[in-house]
Amino acid sequence: MFEKKLSLPTAEQALPGRETAMMVSDQHAVLNNPIKPPLPQGVQQALFGMGCFWGAEKLFWQQAGVWSTAVGYSGGFTPNATYREVCTGQTGHNEVVWVAFDSALTSYEQMLKVFWEGHNPTQLMRQGNDVGTQYRSGIYTFSDEQQQAAQASKMSYEKALSD
């Protein structure tokens, strides 16, 4: 059993990792679409950390307009970290879900709504019984427009929570 780590390591403290990436399927098991770029015309990508990635992924793949999803790690230092390494809290990674959505059928704002309403962003390094740095809340953006939309949604949901 790993000690539950509640503070992020520095780059110097992080585990060394490896050059070789883990082998994964190229196709989503439920949606039958590719799970990585290149994406078809009009399909955008989003990346969210909201606790355990399996439950978060299912929330997104059930949304209208979502083309594909995949889970993994982001925001860390250890190259090609394994699940066991991430669970030590010594990689700096966040469990995340990658979402590819058809912008003609849904919007980034709708993906943000799923993010904010699909977990409790006030719990810091945890979600429910899952405790550790990898369970922190996070929005990773792919454009200035997404960054602005994420900031606006954060302010809106902060106000709603404080009210």
Protein backbone atom coordinates (compact mmCIF):
# COMPACT_ATOMS: atom_id res chain seq x y z
CA MET A 1 0.00 0.00 0.00
CA PHE A 2 1.31 3.43 -0.92
CA GLU A 3 1.39 6.37 1.49
CA LYS A 4 -1.17 8.95 0.39
CA LYS A 5 0.86 11.92 -0.83
CA LEU A 6 -0.78 15.34 -0.58
CA SER A 7 1.93 17.63 -1.94
CA LEU A 8 3.42 17.74 -5.41
CA PRO A 9 7.07 16.80 -5.94
CA THR A 10 9.54 19.10 -7.66
CA ALA A 11 11.09 18.00 -10.95
CA GLU A 12 14.23 17.00 -9.01
CA GLN A 13 12.21 14.83 -6.59
CA ALA A 14 10.14 13.08 -9.26
CA LEU A 15 10.69 9.46 -10.26
CA PRO A 16 12.89 9.01 -13.37
CA GLY A 17 10.35 7.17 -15.57
CA ARG A 18 11.25 5.71 -18.95
CA GLU A 19 11.57 6.54 -22.66
CA THR A 20 9.09 3.91 -23.87
CA ALA A 21 5.39 4.74 -23.78
CA MET A 22 2.84 2.15 -22.69
CA MET A 23 1.18 0.26 -25.55
CA VAL A 24 -2.55 0.99 -25.79
CA SER A 25 -5.30 0.37 -28.32
CA ASP A 26 -5.83 3.03 -30.96
CA GLN A 27 -9.63 2.65 -30.83
CA HIS A 28 -12.19 3.53 -28.15
CA ALA A 29 -13.84 0.34 -26.87
CA VAL A 30 -17.32 1.94 -26.60
CA LEU A 31 -17.39 4.70 -29.23
CA ASN A 32 -15.28 2.83 -31.85
CA ASN A 33 -13.38 5.99 -32.83
CA PRO A 34 -9.63 6.68 -32.56
CA ILE A 35 -8.40 7.76 -29.13
CA LYS A 36 -5.73 10.19 -30.29
CA PRO A 37 -5.17 12.80 -33.02
CA PRO A 38 -5.31 13.41 -35.88
CA LEU A 39 -8.96 14.39 -35.46
CA PRO A 40 -11.60 14.85 -38.16
CA GLN A 41 -12.54 18.36 -39.30
CA GLY A 42 -14.62 20.13 -36.63
CA VAL A 43 -13.60 17.82 -33.77
CA GLN A 44 -11.90 19.66 -30.93
CA GLN A 45 -10.09 18.31 -27.90
CA ALA A 46 -10.31 19.04 -24.19
CA LEU A 47 -8.44 17.65 -21.16
CA PHE A 48 -9.77 17.46 -17.61
CA GLY A 49 -8.59 16.13 -14.26
CA MET A 50 -11.49 15.38 -11.93
CA GLY A 51 -10.55 12.51 -9.67
CA CYS A 52 -10.43 8.91 -10.82
CA PHE A 53 -10.27 9.00 -14.60
CA TRP A 54 -12.50 5.97 -15.22
CA GLY A 55 -15.65 7.60 -13.84
CA ALA A 56 -14.79 10.92 -15.45
CA GLU A 57 -14.29 9.28 -18.83
CA LYS A 58 -17.71 7.61 -18.70
CA LEU A 59 -19.37 10.95 -17.87
CA PHE A 60 -17.93 12.44 -21.04
CA TRP A 61 -18.42 9.56 -23.49
CA GLN A 62 -22.14 9.63 -22.61
CA GLN A 63 -22.48 13.28 -23.70
CA ALA A 64 -24.09 14.17 -27.01
CA GLY A 65 -21.47 15.27 -29.53
CA VAL A 66 -18.53 13.50 -27.88
CA TRP A 67 -16.56 11.70 -30.57
CA SER A 68 -13.99 9.90 -28.41
CA THR A 69 -12.36 9.83 -24.98
CA ALA A 70 -9.20 8.40 -23.44
CA VAL A 71 -7.62 8.36 -20.00
CA GLY A 72 -4.07 9.04 -18.93
CA TYR A 73 -1.83 11.35 -16.94
CA SER A 74 -0.94 15.02 -17.33
CA GLY A 75 0.85 17.78 -15.49
CA GLY A 76 3.69 15.67 -14.18
CA PHE A 77 7.44 15.30 -14.48
CA THR A 78 8.02 11.55 -14.86
CA PRO A 79 8.15 10.50 -18.53
CA ASN A 80 5.75 7.64 -19.38
CA ALA A 81 4.79 7.09 -15.75
CA THR A 82 2.99 3.88 -14.80
CA TYR A 83 -0.14 3.70 -12.67
CA ARG A 84 1.88 2.39 -9.70
CA GLU A 85 4.35 5.27 -10.03
CA VAL A 86 1.60 7.89 -10.25
CA CYS A 87 -0.02 6.42 -7.12
CA THR A 88 3.15 7.11 -5.12
CA GLY A 89 2.60 10.85 -5.57
CA GLN A 90 6.20 11.13 -6.79
CA THR A 91 5.52 11.86 -10.48
CA GLY A 92 3.51 15.09 -10.23
CA HIS A 93 0.81 13.71 -12.54
CA ASN A 94 -2.94 14.26 -12.51
CA GLU A 95 -5.32 11.50 -13.67
CA VAL A 96 -7.06 13.03 -16.68
CA VAL A 97 -9.62 12.32 -19.35
CA TRP A 98 -9.05 13.49 -22.92
CA VAL A 99 -12.26 14.38 -24.71
CA ALA A 100 -12.70 14.79 -28.46
CA PHE A 101 -16.01 16.49 -29.28
CA ASP A 102 -17.75 17.57 -32.47
CA SER A 103 -18.06 21.36 -32.25
CA ALA A 104 -21.10 21.25 -34.58
CA LEU A 105 -22.98 19.12 -32.03
CA THR A 106 -21.75 20.44 -28.68
CA SER A 107 -19.42 23.07 -27.25
CA TYR A 108 -16.38 23.47 -25.06
CA GLU A 109 -18.66 25.30 -22.61
CA GLN A 110 -20.78 22.13 -22.36
CA MET A 111 -17.64 20.10 -21.68
CA LEU A 112 -16.76 22.59 -18.91
CA LYS A 113 -20.25 22.15 -17.45
CA VAL A 114 -19.71 18.38 -17.29
CA PHE A 115 -16.33 19.00 -15.64
CA TRP A 116 -17.64 21.34 -12.92
CA GLU A 117 -20.80 19.36 -12.20
CA GLY A 118 -19.19 15.90 -12.46
CA HIS A 119 -16.93 16.18 -9.42
CA ASN A 120 -16.23 18.30 -6.35
CA PRO A 121 -13.42 20.74 -7.25
CA THR A 122 -13.18 21.99 -3.66
CA GLN A 123 -11.58 18.79 -2.30
CA LEU A 124 -7.98 19.63 -3.33
CA MET A 125 -5.89 16.41 -3.53
CA ARG A 126 -8.85 14.03 -3.40
CA GLN A 127 -12.24 13.01 -4.74
CA GLY A 128 -14.35 11.23 -2.16
CA ASN A 129 -12.40 8.23 -0.86
CA ASP A 130 -9.67 8.63 -3.51
CA VAL A 131 -6.85 10.59 -1.87
CA GLY A 132 -3.57 11.70 -3.45
CA THR A 133 -2.05 14.25 -5.78
CA GLN A 134 -3.27 12.39 -8.87
CA TYR A 135 -6.92 13.05 -7.89
CA ARG A 136 -6.67 16.84 -8.01
CA SER A 137 -8.97 18.93 -10.16
CA GLY A 138 -7.53 20.44 -13.34
CA ILE A 139 -8.38 21.94 -16.69
CA TYR A 140 -5.66 21.71 -19.36
CA THR A 141 -6.37 23.90 -22.38
CA PHE A 142 -5.39 23.65 -26.06
CA SER A 143 -5.98 27.27 -27.12
CA ASP A 144 -6.32 30.82 -25.84
CA GLU A 145 -10.08 30.57 -26.42
CA GLN A 146 -10.30 27.47 -24.22
CA GLN A 147 -8.17 29.17 -21.55
CA GLN A 148 -10.52 32.18 -21.51
CA ALA A 149 -13.63 29.97 -21.42
CA ALA A 150 -12.14 27.88 -18.58
CA GLN A 151 -11.33 31.01 -16.55
CA ALA A 152 -14.83 32.43 -17.12
CA SER A 153 -16.45 29.14 -16.09
CA LYS A 154 -14.26 28.96 -12.98
CA MET A 155 -15.40 32.42 -11.91
CA SER A 156 -19.04 31.54 -12.60
CA TYR A 157 -18.93 28.27 -10.63
CA GLU A 158 -16.95 29.91 -7.78
CA LYS A 159 -19.69 32.51 -7.47
CA ALA A 160 -22.40 29.84 -7.50
CA LEU A 161 -20.57 27.86 -4.80
CA SER A 162 -20.08 30.92 -2.59
CA ASP A 163 -23.73 31.97 -2.99
